[in-house]
Amino acid sequence: MISAAIEQQGATTQRIKRNTVEAASGTSNVSANIGGVSAGAGETGAAAGEVLNAAGELGRQSDSLRQEITRLLNQIRAA
């Protein structure tokens, strides 16, 4: 009876140890995944900034083109 209890306690201790190792491994994987997500978010933010800059430049070029077309039409009308 005592030897069975000791054997059961040893088996339980081994399961606890195995579960602790698995939990530590899982925590490490989660940490690595969070790092990857963080890097991806940074890259996405940088790309969004580039798109915003390009949209601003496109807006400026559009305004300039509109002004040039207006001048051209005015010259044609005046001729």
PDB file of N, CA and C in Angstrom:
ATOM      1  N   MET A   1       0.814  -1.185   0.000  1.00  0.00           N
ATOM      2  CA  MET A   1       0.000   0.000   0.000  1.00  0.00           C
ATOM      3  C   MET A   1       0.868   1.264   0.000  1.00  0.00           C
ATOM      4  N   ILE A   2       1.835   1.326   0.874  1.00  0.00           N
ATOM      5  CA  ILE A   2       2.724   2.486   0.922  1.00  0.00           C
ATOM      6  C   ILE A   2       3.548   2.556  -0.357  1.00  0.00           C
ATOM      7  N   SER A   3       4.043   1.403  -0.827  1.00  0.00           N
ATOM      8  CA  SER A   3       4.849   1.403  -2.050  1.00  0.00           C
ATOM      9  C   SER A   3       4.005   1.825  -3.250  1.00  0.00           C
ATOM     10  N   ALA A   4       2.742   1.446  -3.269  1.00  0.00           N
ATOM     11  CA  ALA A   4       1.845   1.858  -4.359  1.00  0.00           C
ATOM     12  C   ALA A   4       1.632   3.367  -4.316  1.00  0.00           C
ATOM     13  N   ALA A   5       1.481   3.917  -3.120  1.00  0.00           N
ATOM     14  CA  ALA A   5       1.287   5.362  -2.973  1.00  0.00           C
ATOM     15  C   ALA A   5       2.546   6.107  -3.413  1.00  0.00           C
ATOM     16  N   ILE A   6       3.711   5.569  -3.058  1.00  0.00           N
ATOM     17  CA  ILE A   6       4.978   6.196  -3.455  1.00  0.00           C
ATOM     18  C   ILE A   6       5.136   6.134  -4.972  1.00  0.00           C
ATOM     19  N   GLU A   7       4.778   4.997  -5.551  1.00  0.00           N
ATOM     20  CA  GLU A   7       4.855   4.833  -7.005  1.00  0.00           C
ATOM     21  C   GLU A   7       3.902   5.806  -7.713  1.00  0.00           C
ATOM     22  N   GLN A   8       2.702   5.930  -7.171  1.00  0.00           N
ATOM     23  CA  GLN A   8       1.721   6.854  -7.745  1.00  0.00           C
ATOM     24  C   GLN A   8       2.205   8.304  -7.619  1.00  0.00           C
ATOM     25  N   GLN A   9       2.806   8.614  -6.482  1.00  0.00           N
ATOM     26  CA  GLN A   9       3.323   9.966  -6.277  1.00  0.00           C
ATOM     27  C   GLN A   9       4.450  10.259  -7.271  1.00  0.00           C
ATOM     28  N   GLY A  10       5.311   9.277  -7.512  1.00  0.00           N
ATOM     29  CA  GLY A  10       6.400   9.437  -8.479  1.00  0.00           C
ATOM     30  C   GLY A  10       5.860   9.661  -9.888  1.00  0.00           C
ATOM     31  N   ALA A  11       4.833   8.899 -10.257  1.00  0.00           N
ATOM     32  CA  ALA A  11       4.226   9.052 -11.583  1.00  0.00           C
ATOM     33  C   ALA A  11       3.585  10.428 -11.718  1.00  0.00           C
ATOM     34  N   THR A  12       2.924  10.872 -10.665  1.00  0.00           N
ATOM     35  CA  THR A  12       2.292  12.190 -10.678  1.00  0.00           C
ATOM     36  C   THR A  12       3.349  13.281 -10.804  1.00  0.00           C
ATOM     37  N   THR A  13       4.437  13.128 -10.096  1.00  0.00           N
ATOM     38  CA  THR A  13       5.534  14.096 -10.165  1.00  0.00           C
ATOM     39  C   THR A  13       6.101  14.160 -11.582  1.00  0.00           C
ATOM     40  N   GLN A  14       6.246  13.008 -12.232  1.00  0.00           N
ATOM     41  CA  GLN A  14       6.748  12.972 -13.611  1.00  0.00           C
ATOM     42  C   GLN A  14       5.783  13.671 -14.571  1.00  0.00           C
ATOM     43  N   ARG A  15       4.467  13.467 -14.375  1.00  0.00           N
ATOM     44  CA  ARG A  15       3.473  14.146 -15.218  1.00  0.00           C
ATOM     45  C   ARG A  15       3.540  15.656 -15.015  1.00  0.00           C
ATOM     46  N   ILE A  16       3.689  16.076 -13.774  1.00  0.00           N
ATOM     47  CA  ILE A  16       3.806  17.512 -13.479  1.00  0.00           C
ATOM     48  C   ILE A  16       5.044  18.083 -14.163  1.00  0.00           C
ATOM     49  N   LYS A  17       6.153  17.350 -14.081  1.00  0.00           N
ATOM     50  CA  LYS A  17       7.393  17.797 -14.714  1.00  0.00           C
ATOM     51  C   LYS A  17       7.209  17.914 -16.224  1.00  0.00           C
ATOM     52  N   ARG A  18       6.618  16.875 -16.839  1.00  0.00           N
ATOM     53  CA  ARG A  18       6.402  16.877 -18.285  1.00  0.00           C
ATOM     54  C   ARG A  18       5.486  18.039 -18.694  1.00  0.00           C
ATOM     55  N   ASN A  19       4.415  18.246 -17.933  1.00  0.00           N
ATOM     56  CA  ASN A  19       3.487  19.343 -18.236  1.00  0.00           C
ATOM     57  C   ASN A  19       4.155  20.710 -18.080  1.00  0.00           C
ATOM     58  N   THR A  20       5.032  20.832 -17.099  1.00  0.00           N
ATOM     59  CA  THR A  20       5.753  22.088 -16.894  1.00  0.00           C
ATOM     60  C   THR A  20       6.683  22.375 -18.067  1.00  0.00           C
ATOM     61  N   VAL A  21       7.377  21.353 -18.545  1.00  0.00           N
ATOM     62  CA  VAL A  21       8.271  21.505 -19.700  1.00  0.00           C
ATOM     63  C   VAL A  21       7.464  21.884 -20.943  1.00  0.00           C
ATOM     64  N   GLU A  22       6.312  21.226 -21.143  1.00  0.00           N
ATOM     65  CA  GLU A  22       5.459  21.539 -22.294  1.00  0.00           C
ATOM     66  C   GLU A  22       4.919  22.968 -22.202  1.00  0.00           C
ATOM     67  N   ALA A  23       4.543  23.394 -21.005  1.00  0.00           N
ATOM     68  CA  ALA A  23       4.037  24.759 -20.821  1.00  0.00           C
ATOM     69  C   ALA A  23       5.135  25.779 -21.123  1.00  0.00           C
ATOM     70  N   ALA A  24       6.350  25.490 -20.688  1.00  0.00           N
ATOM     71  CA  ALA A  24       7.468  26.398 -20.956  1.00  0.00           C
ATOM     72  C   ALA A  24       7.735  26.484 -22.457  1.00  0.00           C
ATOM     73  N   SER A  25       7.669  25.354 -23.134  1.00  0.00           N
ATOM     74  CA  SER A  25       7.869  25.336 -24.580  1.00  0.00           C
ATOM     75  C   SER A  25       6.767  26.124 -25.282  1.00  0.00           C
ATOM     76  N   GLY A  26       5.530  25.931 -24.837  1.00  0.00           N
ATOM     77  CA  GLY A  26       4.409  26.676 -25.414  1.00  0.00           C
ATOM     78  C   GLY A  26       4.561  28.170 -25.202  1.00  0.00           C
ATOM     79  N   THR A  27       5.021  28.550 -24.027  1.00  0.00           N
ATOM     80  CA  THR A  27       5.235  29.967 -23.728  1.00  0.00           C
ATOM     81  C   THR A  27       6.301  30.550 -24.643  1.00  0.00           C
ATOM     82  N   SER A  28       7.339  29.787 -24.891  1.00  0.00           N
ATOM     83  CA  SER A  28       8.404  30.234 -25.791  1.00  0.00           C
ATOM     84  C   SER A  28       7.868  30.418 -27.210  1.00  0.00           C
ATOM     85  N   ASN A  29       7.036  29.476 -27.661  1.00  0.00           N
ATOM     86  CA  ASN A  29       6.442  29.587 -29.002  1.00  0.00           C
ATOM     87  C   ASN A  29       5.540  30.810 -29.106  1.00  0.00           C
ATOM     88  N   VAL A  30       4.737  31.046 -28.085  1.00  0.00           N
ATOM     89  CA  VAL A  30       3.846  32.208 -28.082  1.00  0.00           C
ATOM     90  C   VAL A  30       4.667  33.492 -28.127  1.00  0.00           C
ATOM     91  N   SER A  31       5.732  33.529 -27.361  1.00  0.00           N
ATOM     92  CA  SER A  31       6.593  34.711 -27.340  1.00  0.00           C
ATOM     93  C   SER A  31       7.198  34.970 -28.718  1.00  0.00           C
ATOM     94  N   ALA A  32       7.642  33.914 -29.379  1.00  0.00           N
ATOM     95  CA  ALA A  32       8.205  34.060 -30.726  1.00  0.00           C
ATOM     96  C   ALA A  32       7.137  34.548 -31.702  1.00  0.00           C
ATOM     97  N   ASN A  33       5.928  34.012 -31.578  1.00  0.00           N
ATOM     98  CA  ASN A  33       4.837  34.437 -32.464  1.00  0.00           C
ATOM     99  C   ASN A  33       4.489  35.905 -32.242  1.00  0.00           C
ATOM    100  N   ILE A  34       4.494  36.332 -30.999  1.00  0.00           N
ATOM    101  CA  ILE A  34       4.205  37.738 -30.693  1.00  0.00           C
ATOM    102  C   ILE A  34       5.273  38.632 -31.322  1.00  0.00           C
ATOM    103  N   GLY A  35       6.519  38.191 -31.265  1.00  0.00           N
ATOM    104  CA  GLY A  35       7.596  38.947 -31.905  1.00  0.00           C
ATOM    105  C   GLY A  35       7.374  39.067 -33.405  1.00  0.00           C
ATOM    106  N   GLY A  36       6.931  37.975 -34.028  1.00  0.00           N
ATOM    107  CA  GLY A  36       6.643  38.003 -35.464  1.00  0.00           C
ATOM    108  C   GLY A  36       5.493  38.931 -35.795  1.00  0.00           C
ATOM    109  N   VAL A  37       4.456  38.889 -34.978  1.00  0.00           N
ATOM    110  CA  VAL A  37       3.304  39.771 -35.193  1.00  0.00           C
ATOM    111  C   VAL A  37       3.726  41.228 -35.032  1.00  0.00           C
ATOM    112  N   SER A  38       4.546  41.493 -34.040  1.00  0.00           N
ATOM    113  CA  SER A  38       5.020  42.859 -33.810  1.00  0.00           C
ATOM    114  C   SER A  38       5.828  43.367 -35.002  1.00  0.00           C
ATOM    115  N   ALA A  39       6.701  42.529 -35.523  1.00  0.00           N
ATOM    116  CA  ALA A  39       7.499  42.921 -36.692  1.00  0.00           C
ATOM    117  C   ALA A  39       6.593  43.163 -37.894  1.00  0.00           C
ATOM    118  N   GLY A  40       5.606  42.283 -38.074  1.00  0.00           N
ATOM    119  CA  GLY A  40       4.662  42.453 -39.179  1.00  0.00           C
ATOM    120  C   GLY A  40       3.867  43.738 -39.056  1.00  0.00           C
ATOM    121  N   ALA A  41       3.477  44.069 -37.840  1.00  0.00           N
ATOM    122  CA  ALA A  41       2.726  45.310 -37.613  1.00  0.00           C
ATOM    123  C   ALA A  41       3.595  46.525 -37.941  1.00  0.00           C
ATOM    124  N   GLY A  42       4.865  46.458 -37.585  1.00  0.00           N
ATOM    125  CA  GLY A  42       5.779  47.558 -37.907  1.00  0.00           C
ATOM    126  C   GLY A  42       5.937  47.738 -39.409  1.00  0.00           C
ATOM    127  N   GLU A  43       6.066  46.613 -40.122  1.00  0.00           N
ATOM    128  CA  GLU A  43       6.195  46.676 -41.581  1.00  0.00           C
ATOM    129  C   GLU A  43       4.917  47.224 -42.210  1.00  0.00           C
ATOM    130  N   THR A  44       3.773  46.805 -41.683  1.00  0.00           N
ATOM    131  CA  THR A  44       2.489  47.293 -42.196  1.00  0.00           C
ATOM    132  C   THR A  44       2.361  48.792 -41.972  1.00  0.00           C
ATOM    133  N   GLY A  45       2.785  49.256 -40.803  1.00  0.00           N
ATOM    134  CA  GLY A  45       2.746  50.690 -40.511  1.00  0.00           C
ATOM    135  C   GLY A  45       3.634  51.479 -41.459  1.00  0.00           C
ATOM    136  N   ALA A  46       4.809  50.949 -41.742  1.00  0.00           N
ATOM    137  CA  ALA A  46       5.725  51.629 -42.671  1.00  0.00           C
ATOM    138  C   ALA A  46       5.127  51.677 -44.073  1.00  0.00           C
ATOM    139  N   ALA A  47       4.523  50.567 -44.499  1.00  0.00           N
ATOM    140  CA  ALA A  47       3.902  50.534 -45.828  1.00  0.00           C
ATOM    141  C   ALA A  47       2.733  51.509 -45.900  1.00  0.00           C
ATOM    142  N   ALA A  48       1.954  51.598 -44.832  1.00  0.00           N
ATOM    143  CA  ALA A  48       0.835  52.544 -44.802  1.00  0.00           C
ATOM    144  C   ALA A  48       1.343  53.983 -44.911  1.00  0.00           C
ATOM    145  N   GLY A  49       2.451  54.271 -44.265  1.00  0.00           N
ATOM    146  CA  GLY A  49       3.048  55.603 -44.366  1.00  0.00           C
ATOM    147  C   GLY A  49       3.478  55.921 -45.791  1.00  0.00           C
ATOM    148  N   GLU A  50       4.054  54.930 -46.465  1.00  0.00           N
ATOM    149  CA  GLU A  50       4.470  55.130 -47.857  1.00  0.00           C
ATOM    150  C   GLU A  50       3.259  55.375 -48.756  1.00  0.00           C
ATOM    151  N   VAL A  51       2.179  54.621 -48.521  1.00  0.00           N
ATOM    152  CA  VAL A  51       0.953  54.816 -49.306  1.00  0.00           C
ATOM    153  C   VAL A  51       0.396  56.215 -49.066  1.00  0.00           C
ATOM    154  N   LEU A  52       0.419  56.652 -47.826  1.00  0.00           N
ATOM    155  CA  LEU A  52      -0.073  57.995 -47.497  1.00  0.00           C
ATOM    156  C   LEU A  52       0.751  59.066 -48.212  1.00  0.00           C
ATOM    157  N   ASN A  53       2.060  58.908 -48.195  1.00  0.00           N
ATOM    158  CA  ASN A  53       2.928  59.863 -48.901  1.00  0.00           C
ATOM    159  C   ASN A  53       2.652  59.862 -50.402  1.00  0.00           C
ATOM    160  N   ALA A  54       2.499  58.667 -50.971  1.00  0.00           N
ATOM    161  CA  ALA A  54       2.222  58.569 -52.406  1.00  0.00           C
ATOM    162  C   ALA A  54       0.876  59.207 -52.740  1.00  0.00           C
ATOM    163  N   ALA A  55      -0.119  59.014 -51.887  1.00  0.00           N
ATOM    164  CA  ALA A  55      -1.433  59.623 -52.116  1.00  0.00           C
ATOM    165  C   ALA A  55      -1.336  61.145 -52.061  1.00  0.00           C
ATOM    166  N   GLY A  56      -0.560  61.668 -51.148  1.00  0.00           N
ATOM    167  CA  GLY A  56      -0.359  63.115 -51.064  1.00  0.00           C
ATOM    168  C   GLY A  56       0.300  63.658 -52.317  1.00  0.00           C
ATOM    169  N   GLU A  57       1.325  62.958 -52.782  1.00  0.00           N
ATOM    170  CA  GLU A  57       2.018  63.379 -54.007  1.00  0.00           C
ATOM    171  C   GLU A  57       1.075  63.307 -55.203  1.00  0.00           C
ATOM    172  N   LEU A  58       0.282  62.265 -55.278  1.00  0.00           N
ATOM    173  CA  LEU A  58      -0.688  62.135 -56.366  1.00  0.00           C
ATOM    174  C   LEU A  58      -1.696  63.281 -56.331  1.00  0.00           C
ATOM    175  N   GLY A  59      -2.123  63.671 -55.153  1.00  0.00           N
ATOM    176  CA  GLY A  59      -3.035  64.806 -55.012  1.00  0.00           C
ATOM    177  C   GLY A  59      -2.406  66.094 -55.515  1.00  0.00           C
ATOM    178  N   ARG A  60      -1.131  66.309 -55.170  1.00  0.00           N
ATOM    179  CA  ARG A  60      -0.427  67.518 -55.632  1.00  0.00           C
ATOM    180  C   ARG A  60      -0.285  67.517 -57.158  1.00  0.00           C
ATOM    181  N   GLN A  61       0.069  66.383 -57.714  1.00  0.00           N
ATOM    182  CA  GLN A  61       0.209  66.292 -59.169  1.00  0.00           C
ATOM    183  C   GLN A  61      -1.140  66.487 -59.864  1.00  0.00           C
ATOM    184  N   SER A  62      -2.188  65.973 -59.278  1.00  0.00           N
ATOM    185  CA  SER A  62      -3.534  66.143 -59.831  1.00  0.00           C
ATOM    186  C   SER A  62      -3.927  67.620 -59.852  1.00  0.00           C
ATOM    187  N   ASP A  63      -3.644  68.326 -58.766  1.00  0.00           N
ATOM    188  CA  ASP A  63      -3.930  69.769 -58.716  1.00  0.00           C
ATOM    189  C   ASP A  63      -3.135  70.521 -59.776  1.00  0.00           C
ATOM    190  N   SER A  64      -1.875  70.165 -59.923  1.00  0.00           N
ATOM    191  CA  SER A  64      -1.024  70.822 -60.915  1.00  0.00           C
ATOM    192  C   SER A  64      -1.556  70.562 -62.326  1.00  0.00           C
ATOM    193  N   LEU A  65      -1.945  69.337 -62.602  1.00  0.00           N
ATOM    194  CA  LEU A  65      -2.487  68.994 -63.913  1.00  0.00           C
ATOM    195  C   LEU A  65      -3.788  69.751 -64.175  1.00  0.00           C
ATOM    196  N   ARG A  66      -4.622  69.849 -63.165  1.00  0.00           N
ATOM    197  CA  ARG A  66      -5.884  70.587 -63.297  1.00  0.00           C
ATOM    198  C   ARG A  66      -5.605  72.053 -63.654  1.00  0.00           C
ATOM    199  N   GLN A  67      -4.625  72.653 -63.000  1.00  0.00           N
ATOM    200  CA  GLN A  67      -4.270  74.049 -63.287  1.00  0.00           C
ATOM    201  C   GLN A  67      -3.752  74.205 -64.714  1.00  0.00           C
ATOM    202  N   GLU A  68      -2.924  73.282 -65.153  1.00  0.00           N
ATOM    203  CA  GLU A  68      -2.380  73.336 -66.513  1.00  0.00           C
ATOM    204  C   GLU A  68      -3.498  73.190 -67.544  1.00  0.00           C
ATOM    205  N   ILE A  69      -4.432  72.288 -67.300  1.00  0.00           N
ATOM    206  CA  ILE A  69      -5.553  72.098 -68.228  1.00  0.00           C
ATOM    207  C   ILE A  69      -6.418  73.354 -68.274  1.00  0.00           C
ATOM    208  N   THR A  70      -6.649  73.960 -67.116  1.00  0.00           N
ATOM    209  CA  THR A  70      -7.433  75.200 -67.066  1.00  0.00           C
ATOM    210  C   THR A  70      -6.749  76.292 -67.876  1.00  0.00           C
ATOM    211  N   ARG A  71      -5.425  76.439 -67.723  1.00  0.00           N
ATOM    212  CA  ARG A  71      -4.671  77.433 -68.502  1.00  0.00           C
ATOM    213  C   ARG A  71      -4.783  77.155 -70.000  1.00  0.00           C
ATOM    214  N   LEU A  72      -4.625  75.890 -70.374  1.00  0.00           N
ATOM    215  CA  LEU A  72      -4.697  75.514 -71.783  1.00  0.00           C
ATOM    216  C   LEU A  72      -6.077  75.829 -72.356  1.00  0.00           C
ATOM    217  N   LEU A  73      -7.121  75.480 -71.620  1.00  0.00           N
ATOM    218  CA  LEU A  73      -8.480  75.764 -72.093  1.00  0.00           C
ATOM    219  C   LEU A  73      -8.725  77.262 -72.210  1.00  0.00           C
ATOM    220  N   ASN A  74      -8.206  78.021 -71.269  1.00  0.00           N
ATOM    221  CA  ASN A  74      -8.342  79.484 -71.335  1.00  0.00           C
ATOM    222  C   ASN A  74      -7.623  80.046 -72.562  1.00  0.00           C
ATOM    223  N   GLN A  75      -6.449  79.502 -72.876  1.00  0.00           N
ATOM    224  CA  GLN A  75      -5.703  79.946 -74.058  1.00  0.00           C
ATOM    225  C   GLN A  75      -6.459  79.592 -75.337  1.00  0.00           C
ATOM    226  N   ILE A  76      -7.041  78.404 -75.360  1.00  0.00           N
ATOM    227  CA  ILE A  76      -7.799  77.982 -76.544  1.00  0.00           C
ATOM    228  C   ILE A  76      -9.016  78.883 -76.730  1.00  0.00           C
ATOM    229  N   ARG A  77      -9.702  79.192 -75.642  1.00  0.00           N
ATOM    230  CA  ARG A  77     -10.884  80.060 -75.716  1.00  0.00           C
ATOM    231  C   ARG A  77     -10.503  81.476 -76.173  1.00  0.00           C
ATOM    232  N   ALA A  78      -9.347  81.933 -75.720  1.00  0.00           N
ATOM    233  CA  ALA A  78      -8.908  83.296 -76.046  1.00  0.00           C
ATOM    234  C   ALA A  78      -8.436  83.405 -77.496  1.00  0.00           C
ATOM    235  N   ALA A  79      -8.060  82.295 -78.086  1.00  0.00           N
ATOM    236  CA  ALA A  79      -7.510  82.332 -79.454  1.00  0.00           C
ATOM    237  C   ALA A  79      -8.576  82.539 -80.508  1.00  0.00           C
TER     238      ALA A  79
END
